[in-house]
PDB file of N, CA and C in Angstrom:
ATOM      1  N   UNK A   1     -11.852   1.218 -32.173  1.00  0.00           N
ATOM      2  CA  UNK A   1     -12.107   2.543 -31.625  1.00  0.00           C
ATOM      3  C   UNK A   1     -13.541   2.627 -31.148  1.00  0.00           C
ATOM      4  N   UNK A   2     -13.882   3.777 -30.589  1.00  0.00           N
ATOM      5  CA  UNK A   2     -15.236   3.971 -30.110  1.00  0.00           C
ATOM      6  C   UNK A   2     -15.315   4.013 -28.604  1.00  0.00           C
ATOM      7  N   UNK A   3     -14.216   3.696 -27.922  1.00  0.00           N
ATOM      8  CA  UNK A   3     -14.211   3.730 -26.473  1.00  0.00           C
ATOM      9  C   UNK A   3     -14.035   5.135 -25.926  1.00  0.00           C
ATOM     10  N   UNK A   4     -14.161   5.264 -24.620  1.00  0.00           N
ATOM     11  CA  UNK A   4     -13.978   6.548 -23.946  1.00  0.00           C
ATOM     12  C   UNK A   4     -12.670   6.503 -23.178  1.00  0.00           C
ATOM     13  N   UNK A   5     -11.966   7.613 -23.180  1.00  0.00           N
ATOM     14  CA  UNK A   5     -10.690   7.743 -22.479  1.00  0.00           C
ATOM     15  C   UNK A   5     -10.769   8.932 -21.541  1.00  0.00           C
ATOM     16  N   UNK A   6      -9.930   8.932 -20.529  1.00  0.00           N
ATOM     17  CA  UNK A   6      -9.874  10.090 -19.638  1.00  0.00           C
ATOM     18  C   UNK A   6      -8.432  10.309 -19.212  1.00  0.00           C
ATOM     19  N   UNK A   7      -8.161  11.516 -18.796  1.00  0.00           N
ATOM     20  CA  UNK A   7      -6.823  11.884 -18.345  1.00  0.00           C
ATOM     21  C   UNK A   7      -6.847  13.318 -17.863  1.00  0.00           C
ATOM     22  N   UNK A   8      -5.659  13.857 -17.600  1.00  0.00           N
ATOM     23  CA  UNK A   8      -5.580  15.244 -17.165  1.00  0.00           C
ATOM     24  C   UNK A   8      -4.730  16.028 -18.155  1.00  0.00           C
ATOM     25  N   UNK A   9      -5.061  17.310 -18.310  1.00  0.00           N
ATOM     26  CA  UNK A   9      -4.362  18.170 -19.255  1.00  0.00           C
ATOM     27  C   UNK A   9      -2.962  18.476 -18.725  1.00  0.00           C
ATOM     28  N   UNK A  10      -1.951  18.271 -19.559  1.00  0.00           N
ATOM     29  CA  UNK A  10      -0.560  18.458 -19.161  1.00  0.00           C
ATOM     30  C   UNK A  10      -0.074  19.883 -19.390  1.00  0.00           C
ATOM     31  N   UNK A  11      -0.903  20.735 -19.935  1.00  0.00           N
ATOM     32  CA  UNK A  11      -0.523  22.106 -20.228  1.00  0.00           C
ATOM     33  C   UNK A  11      -1.770  22.981 -20.129  1.00  0.00           C
ATOM     34  N   UNK A  12      -1.579  24.288 -20.100  1.00  0.00           N
ATOM     35  CA  UNK A  12      -2.711  25.207 -20.062  1.00  0.00           C
ATOM     36  C   UNK A  12      -3.336  25.265 -21.457  1.00  0.00           C
ATOM     37  N   UNK A  13      -4.606  24.856 -21.613  1.00  0.00           N
ATOM     38  CA  UNK A  13      -5.233  24.853 -22.939  1.00  0.00           C
ATOM     39  C   UNK A  13      -5.584  26.268 -23.400  1.00  0.00           C
ATOM     40  N   UNK A  14      -5.532  26.484 -24.713  1.00  0.00           N
ATOM     41  CA  UNK A  14      -5.849  27.791 -25.282  1.00  0.00           C
ATOM     42  C   UNK A  14      -7.266  27.847 -25.833  1.00  0.00           C
ATOM     43  N   UNK A  15      -7.849  26.701 -26.161  1.00  0.00           N
ATOM     44  CA  UNK A  15      -9.168  26.705 -26.808  1.00  0.00           C
ATOM     45  C   UNK A  15     -10.169  25.798 -26.101  1.00  0.00           C
ATOM     46  N   UNK A  16     -10.035  25.653 -24.811  1.00  0.00           N
ATOM     47  CA  UNK A  16     -10.987  24.849 -24.044  1.00  0.00           C
ATOM     48  C   UNK A  16     -11.488  25.676 -22.863  1.00  0.00           C
ATOM     49  N   UNK A  17     -12.464  26.535 -23.098  1.00  0.00           N
ATOM     50  CA  UNK A  17     -12.977  27.375 -22.013  1.00  0.00           C
ATOM     51  C   UNK A  17     -13.402  26.541 -20.811  1.00  0.00           C
ATOM     52  N   UNK A  18     -13.034  26.997 -19.641  1.00  0.00           N
ATOM     53  CA  UNK A  18     -13.408  26.305 -18.417  1.00  0.00           C
ATOM     54  C   UNK A  18     -12.422  25.233 -17.986  1.00  0.00           C
ATOM     55  N   UNK A  19     -11.445  24.918 -18.810  1.00  0.00           N
ATOM     56  CA  UNK A  19     -10.432  23.923 -18.476  1.00  0.00           C
ATOM     57  C   UNK A  19      -9.088  24.600 -18.254  1.00  0.00           C
ATOM     58  N   UNK A  20      -8.300  24.007 -17.368  1.00  0.00           N
ATOM     59  CA  UNK A  20      -6.970  24.530 -17.063  1.00  0.00           C
ATOM     60  C   UNK A  20      -6.001  23.358 -16.951  1.00  0.00           C
ATOM     61  N   UNK A  21      -4.718  23.672 -16.846  1.00  0.00           N
ATOM     62  CA  UNK A  21      -3.719  22.631 -16.663  1.00  0.00           C
ATOM     63  C   UNK A  21      -4.143  21.747 -15.491  1.00  0.00           C
ATOM     64  N   UNK A  22      -4.024  20.444 -15.651  1.00  0.00           N
ATOM     65  CA  UNK A  22      -4.395  19.413 -14.668  1.00  0.00           C
ATOM     66  C   UNK A  22      -5.895  19.145 -14.587  1.00  0.00           C
ATOM     67  N   UNK A  23      -6.714  19.830 -15.393  1.00  0.00           N
ATOM     68  CA  UNK A  23      -8.150  19.527 -15.417  1.00  0.00           C
ATOM     69  C   UNK A  23      -8.347  18.098 -15.919  1.00  0.00           C
ATOM     70  N   UNK A  24      -9.283  17.381 -15.320  1.00  0.00           N
ATOM     71  CA  UNK A  24      -9.631  16.038 -15.773  1.00  0.00           C
ATOM     72  C   UNK A  24     -10.548  16.162 -16.986  1.00  0.00           C
ATOM     73  N   UNK A  25     -10.286  15.380 -18.012  1.00  0.00           N
ATOM     74  CA  UNK A  25     -11.104  15.394 -19.218  1.00  0.00           C
ATOM     75  C   UNK A  25     -11.459  13.966 -19.615  1.00  0.00           C
ATOM     76  N   UNK A  26     -12.626  13.787 -20.216  1.00  0.00           N
ATOM     77  CA  UNK A  26     -13.057  12.502 -20.761  1.00  0.00           C
ATOM     78  C   UNK A  26     -13.498  12.758 -22.191  1.00  0.00           C
ATOM     79  N   UNK A  27     -13.116  11.862 -23.092  1.00  0.00           N
ATOM     80  CA  UNK A  27     -13.397  12.064 -24.510  1.00  0.00           C
ATOM     81  C   UNK A  27     -13.436  10.717 -25.209  1.00  0.00           C
ATOM     82  N   UNK A  28     -13.949  10.710 -26.429  1.00  0.00           N
ATOM     83  CA  UNK A  28     -14.008   9.461 -27.191  1.00  0.00           C
ATOM     84  C   UNK A  28     -12.714   9.287 -27.994  1.00  0.00           C
ATOM     85  N   UNK A  29     -12.343   8.053 -28.247  1.00  0.00           N
ATOM     86  CA  UNK A  29     -11.133   7.749 -29.018  1.00  0.00           C
ATOM     87  C   UNK A  29     -11.153   8.419 -30.378  1.00  0.00           C
ATOM     88  N   UNK A  30     -12.326   8.592 -30.956  1.00  0.00           N
ATOM     89  CA  UNK A  30     -12.427   9.182 -32.294  1.00  0.00           C
ATOM     90  C   UNK A  30     -11.945  10.629 -32.333  1.00  0.00           C
ATOM     91  N   UNK A  31     -11.788  11.281 -31.175  1.00  0.00           N
ATOM     92  CA  UNK A  31     -11.328  12.670 -31.120  1.00  0.00           C
ATOM     93  C   UNK A  31      -9.804  12.782 -31.172  1.00  0.00           C
ATOM     94  N   UNK A  32      -9.090  11.675 -31.084  1.00  0.00           N
ATOM     95  CA  UNK A  32      -7.626  11.714 -31.058  1.00  0.00           C
ATOM     96  C   UNK A  32      -7.080  11.914 -32.464  1.00  0.00           C
ATOM     97  N   UNK A  33      -6.245  12.939 -32.630  1.00  0.00           N
ATOM     98  CA  UNK A  33      -5.610  13.178 -33.925  1.00  0.00           C
ATOM     99  C   UNK A  33      -4.127  12.822 -33.837  1.00  0.00           C
ATOM    100  N   UNK A  34      -3.552  12.949 -32.702  1.00  0.00           N
ATOM    101  CA  UNK A  34      -2.141  12.634 -32.497  1.00  0.00           C
ATOM    102  C   UNK A  34      -1.989  12.243 -31.033  1.00  0.00           C
ATOM    103  N   UNK A  35      -0.938  11.551 -30.724  1.00  0.00           N
ATOM    104  CA  UNK A  35      -0.718  11.147 -29.348  1.00  0.00           C
ATOM    105  C   UNK A  35       0.786  11.054 -29.104  1.00  0.00           C
ATOM    106  N   UNK A  36       1.156  11.094 -27.823  1.00  0.00           N
ATOM    107  CA  UNK A  36       2.557  10.964 -27.438  1.00  0.00           C
ATOM    108  C   UNK A  36       2.632  10.284 -26.084  1.00  0.00           C
ATOM    109  N   UNK A  37       3.738   9.620 -25.852  1.00  0.00           N
ATOM    110  CA  UNK A  37       4.046   9.139 -24.511  1.00  0.00           C
ATOM    111  C   UNK A  37       5.540   8.892 -24.420  1.00  0.00           C
ATOM    112  N   UNK A  38       6.038   8.882 -23.194  1.00  0.00           N
ATOM    113  CA  UNK A  38       7.456   8.635 -22.942  1.00  0.00           C
ATOM    114  C   UNK A  38       7.548   7.350 -22.138  1.00  0.00           C
ATOM    115  N   UNK A  39       8.396   6.453 -22.593  1.00  0.00           N
ATOM    116  CA  UNK A  39       8.606   5.187 -21.887  1.00  0.00           C
ATOM    117  C   UNK A  39      10.088   4.869 -21.943  1.00  0.00           C
ATOM    118  N   UNK A  40      10.685   4.679 -20.791  1.00  0.00           N
ATOM    119  CA  UNK A  40      12.105   4.372 -20.749  1.00  0.00           C
ATOM    120  C   UNK A  40      12.969   5.470 -21.346  1.00  0.00           C
ATOM    121  N   UNK A  41      12.532   6.719 -21.215  1.00  0.00           N
ATOM    122  CA  UNK A  41      13.283   7.842 -21.743  1.00  0.00           C
ATOM    123  C   UNK A  41      13.168   8.014 -23.252  1.00  0.00           C
ATOM    124  N   UNK A  42      12.359   7.198 -23.901  1.00  0.00           N
ATOM    125  CA  UNK A  42      12.167   7.280 -25.351  1.00  0.00           C
ATOM    126  C   UNK A  42      10.805   7.906 -25.644  1.00  0.00           C
ATOM    127  N   UNK A  43      10.784   8.900 -26.533  1.00  0.00           N
ATOM    128  CA  UNK A  43       9.560   9.610 -26.885  1.00  0.00           C
ATOM    129  C   UNK A  43       8.921   8.939 -28.102  1.00  0.00           C
ATOM    130  N   UNK A  44       7.685   8.461 -27.925  1.00  0.00           N
ATOM    131  CA  UNK A  44       6.955   7.800 -29.004  1.00  0.00           C
ATOM    132  C   UNK A  44       5.772   8.659 -29.439  1.00  0.00           C
ATOM    133  N   UNK A  45       5.222   8.367 -30.596  1.00  0.00           N
ATOM    134  CA  UNK A  45       4.092   9.135 -31.101  1.00  0.00           C
ATOM    135  C   UNK A  45       4.585  10.354 -31.852  1.00  0.00           C
ATOM    136  N   UNK A  46       3.992  11.519 -31.556  1.00  0.00           N
ATOM    137  CA  UNK A  46       4.367  12.788 -32.198  1.00  0.00           C
ATOM    138  C   UNK A  46       4.271  12.693 -33.715  1.00  0.00           C
ATOM    139  N   UNK A  47       3.259  12.025 -34.224  1.00  0.00           N
ATOM    140  CA  UNK A  47       3.118  11.849 -35.673  1.00  0.00           C
ATOM    141  C   UNK A  47       3.075  13.192 -36.405  1.00  0.00           C
ATOM    142  N   UNK A  48       2.307  14.142 -35.894  1.00  0.00           N
ATOM    143  CA  UNK A  48       2.205  15.451 -36.540  1.00  0.00           C
ATOM    144  C   UNK A  48       3.548  16.162 -36.527  1.00  0.00           C
ATOM    145  N   UNK A  49       4.219  16.168 -35.406  1.00  0.00           N
ATOM    146  CA  UNK A  49       5.519  16.832 -35.285  1.00  0.00           C
ATOM    147  C   UNK A  49       6.537  16.233 -36.244  1.00  0.00           C
ATOM    148  N   UNK A  50       6.505  14.924 -36.428  1.00  0.00           N
ATOM    149  CA  UNK A  50       7.480  14.258 -37.292  1.00  0.00           C
ATOM    150  C   UNK A  50       7.365  14.670 -38.758  1.00  0.00           C
ATOM    151  N   UNK A  51       6.210  15.144 -39.187  1.00  0.00           N
ATOM    152  CA  UNK A  51       6.041  15.493 -40.601  1.00  0.00           C
ATOM    153  C   UNK A  51       6.081  16.998 -40.864  1.00  0.00           C
ATOM    154  N   UNK A  52       6.280  17.796 -39.841  1.00  0.00           N
ATOM    155  CA  UNK A  52       6.364  19.241 -40.049  1.00  0.00           C
ATOM    156  C   UNK A  52       7.603  19.562 -40.873  1.00  0.00           C
ATOM    157  N   UNK A  53       7.428  20.276 -41.964  1.00  0.00           N
ATOM    158  CA  UNK A  53       8.559  20.578 -42.840  1.00  0.00           C
ATOM    159  C   UNK A  53       9.075  22.002 -42.676  1.00  0.00           C
ATOM    160  N   UNK A  54       8.381  22.835 -41.919  1.00  0.00           N
ATOM    161  CA  UNK A  54       8.778  24.231 -41.801  1.00  0.00           C
ATOM    162  C   UNK A  54       9.490  24.524 -40.486  1.00  0.00           C
ATOM    163  N   UNK A  55      10.185  23.562 -39.932  1.00  0.00           N
ATOM    164  CA  UNK A  55      10.923  23.780 -38.703  1.00  0.00           C
ATOM    165  C   UNK A  55      12.263  24.433 -39.004  1.00  0.00           C
ATOM    166  N   UNK A  56      12.691  25.304 -38.109  1.00  0.00           N
ATOM    167  CA  UNK A  56      14.025  25.885 -38.200  1.00  0.00           C
ATOM    168  C   UNK A  56      15.019  24.733 -38.047  1.00  0.00           C
ATOM    169  N   UNK A  57      16.121  24.719 -38.805  1.00  0.00           N
ATOM    170  CA  UNK A  57      17.070  23.598 -38.751  1.00  0.00           C
ATOM    171  C   UNK A  57      17.540  23.251 -37.339  1.00  0.00           C
ATOM    172  N   UNK A  58      17.736  24.257 -36.503  1.00  0.00           N
ATOM    173  CA  UNK A  58      18.176  23.989 -35.123  1.00  0.00           C
ATOM    174  C   UNK A  58      17.075  23.280 -34.335  1.00  0.00           C
ATOM    175  N   UNK A  59      15.841  23.707 -34.540  1.00  0.00           N
ATOM    176  CA  UNK A  59      14.701  23.079 -33.871  1.00  0.00           C
ATOM    177  C   UNK A  59      14.546  21.632 -34.345  1.00  0.00           C
ATOM    178  N   UNK A  60      14.696  21.406 -35.642  1.00  0.00           N
ATOM    179  CA  UNK A  60      14.599  20.053 -36.196  1.00  0.00           C
ATOM    180  C   UNK A  60      15.690  19.157 -35.608  1.00  0.00           C
ATOM    181  N   UNK A  61      16.892  19.683 -35.455  1.00  0.00           N
ATOM    182  CA  UNK A  61      18.001  18.899 -34.886  1.00  0.00           C
ATOM    183  C   UNK A  61      17.707  18.539 -33.434  1.00  0.00           C
ATOM    184  N   UNK A  62      17.144  19.470 -32.678  1.00  0.00           N
ATOM    185  CA  UNK A  62      16.791  19.190 -31.289  1.00  0.00           C
ATOM    186  C   UNK A  62      15.726  18.107 -31.194  1.00  0.00           C
ATOM    187  N   UNK A  63      14.746  18.174 -32.083  1.00  0.00           N
ATOM    188  CA  UNK A  63      13.689  17.163 -32.085  1.00  0.00           C
ATOM    189  C   UNK A  63      14.248  15.773 -32.349  1.00  0.00           C
ATOM    190  N   UNK A  64      15.183  15.676 -33.263  1.00  0.00           N
ATOM    191  CA  UNK A  64      15.764  14.369 -33.587  1.00  0.00           C
ATOM    192  C   UNK A  64      16.441  13.739 -32.380  1.00  0.00           C
ATOM    193  N   UNK A  65      16.973  14.549 -31.470  1.00  0.00           N
ATOM    194  CA  UNK A  65      17.617  13.987 -30.277  1.00  0.00           C
ATOM    195  C   UNK A  65      16.597  13.529 -29.246  1.00  0.00           C
ATOM    196  N   UNK A  66      15.385  14.081 -29.293  1.00  0.00           N
ATOM    197  CA  UNK A  66      14.353  13.745 -28.315  1.00  0.00           C
ATOM    198  C   UNK A  66      13.429  12.617 -28.754  1.00  0.00           C
ATOM    199  N   UNK A  67      13.171  12.523 -30.058  1.00  0.00           N
ATOM    200  CA  UNK A  67      12.224  11.520 -30.547  1.00  0.00           C
ATOM    201  C   UNK A  67      12.908  10.196 -30.815  1.00  0.00           C
ATOM    202  N   UNK A  68      12.236   9.124 -30.476  1.00  0.00           N
ATOM    203  CA  UNK A  68      12.702   7.793 -30.828  1.00  0.00           C
ATOM    204  C   UNK A  68      12.574   7.653 -32.338  1.00  0.00           C
ATOM    205  N   UNK A  69      13.436   6.882 -32.969  1.00  0.00           N
ATOM    206  CA  UNK A  69      13.455   6.761 -34.430  1.00  0.00           C
ATOM    207  C   UNK A  69      12.096   6.372 -35.010  1.00  0.00           C
ATOM    208  N   UNK A  70      11.380   5.510 -34.320  1.00  0.00           N
ATOM    209  CA  UNK A  70      10.060   5.084 -34.773  1.00  0.00           C
ATOM    210  C   UNK A  70       8.999   5.713 -33.879  1.00  0.00           C
ATOM    211  N   UNK A  71       7.857   6.130 -34.426  1.00  0.00           N
ATOM    212  CA  UNK A  71       6.802   6.669 -33.573  1.00  0.00           C
ATOM    213  C   UNK A  71       6.146   5.598 -32.700  1.00  0.00           C
ATOM    214  N   UNK A  72       6.342   4.330 -33.046  1.00  0.00           N
ATOM    215  CA  UNK A  72       5.744   3.228 -32.283  1.00  0.00           C
ATOM    216  C   UNK A  72       6.829   2.465 -31.541  1.00  0.00           C
ATOM    217  N   UNK A  73       6.531   2.012 -30.339  1.00  0.00           N
ATOM    218  CA  UNK A  73       7.512   1.212 -29.596  1.00  0.00           C
ATOM    219  C   UNK A  73       7.706  -0.144 -30.271  1.00  0.00           C
ATOM    220  N   UNK A  74       8.837  -0.796 -29.985  1.00  0.00           N
ATOM    221  CA  UNK A  74       9.043  -2.135 -30.557  1.00  0.00           C
ATOM    222  C   UNK A  74       7.889  -3.051 -30.164  1.00  0.00           C
ATOM    223  N   UNK A  75       7.527  -3.947 -31.068  1.00  0.00           N
ATOM    224  CA  UNK A  75       6.394  -4.876 -30.859  1.00  0.00           C
ATOM    225  C   UNK A  75       6.479  -5.589 -29.514  1.00  0.00           C
ATOM    226  N   UNK A  76       7.673  -5.981 -29.113  1.00  0.00           N
ATOM    227  CA  UNK A  76       7.831  -6.737 -27.871  1.00  0.00           C
ATOM    228  C   UNK A  76       7.480  -5.921 -26.635  1.00  0.00           C
ATOM    229  N   UNK A  77       7.488  -4.577 -26.740  1.00  0.00           N
ATOM    230  CA  UNK A  77       7.196  -3.720 -25.589  1.00  0.00           C
ATOM    231  C   UNK A  77       5.745  -3.280 -25.520  1.00  0.00           C
ATOM    232  N   UNK A  78       4.968  -3.520 -26.566  1.00  0.00           N
ATOM    233  CA  UNK A  78       3.581  -3.042 -26.587  1.00  0.00           C
ATOM    234  C   UNK A  78       2.732  -3.791 -25.576  1.00  0.00           C
ATOM    235  N   UNK A  79       1.898  -3.052 -24.916  1.00  0.00           N
ATOM    236  CA  UNK A  79       0.983  -3.649 -23.941  1.00  0.00           C
ATOM    237  C   UNK A  79      -0.339  -3.921 -24.639  1.00  0.00           C
ATOM    238  N   UNK A  80      -0.875  -5.091 -24.491  1.00  0.00           N
ATOM    239  CA  UNK A  80      -2.132  -5.463 -25.162  1.00  0.00           C
ATOM    240  C   UNK A  80      -3.264  -5.456 -24.174  1.00  0.00           C
TER     241      UNK A  80
END
């Protein structure tokens, strides 16, 4: 860790004054608490979402259909 990353905001932020959806942002890796990405229709990451215990049963069932069983892609698919 320790590197810098950049990207654009995929949603309208609530606590980032001056930033809006699609704003370009640059930050250090140490600021990442959770991450997500979709590859081949499979949703990876979502570590925080996976451990939430106070979800309504219907919401939890919907999440199970969207999330890949493992938060990490199979080793053979990882890009180094």
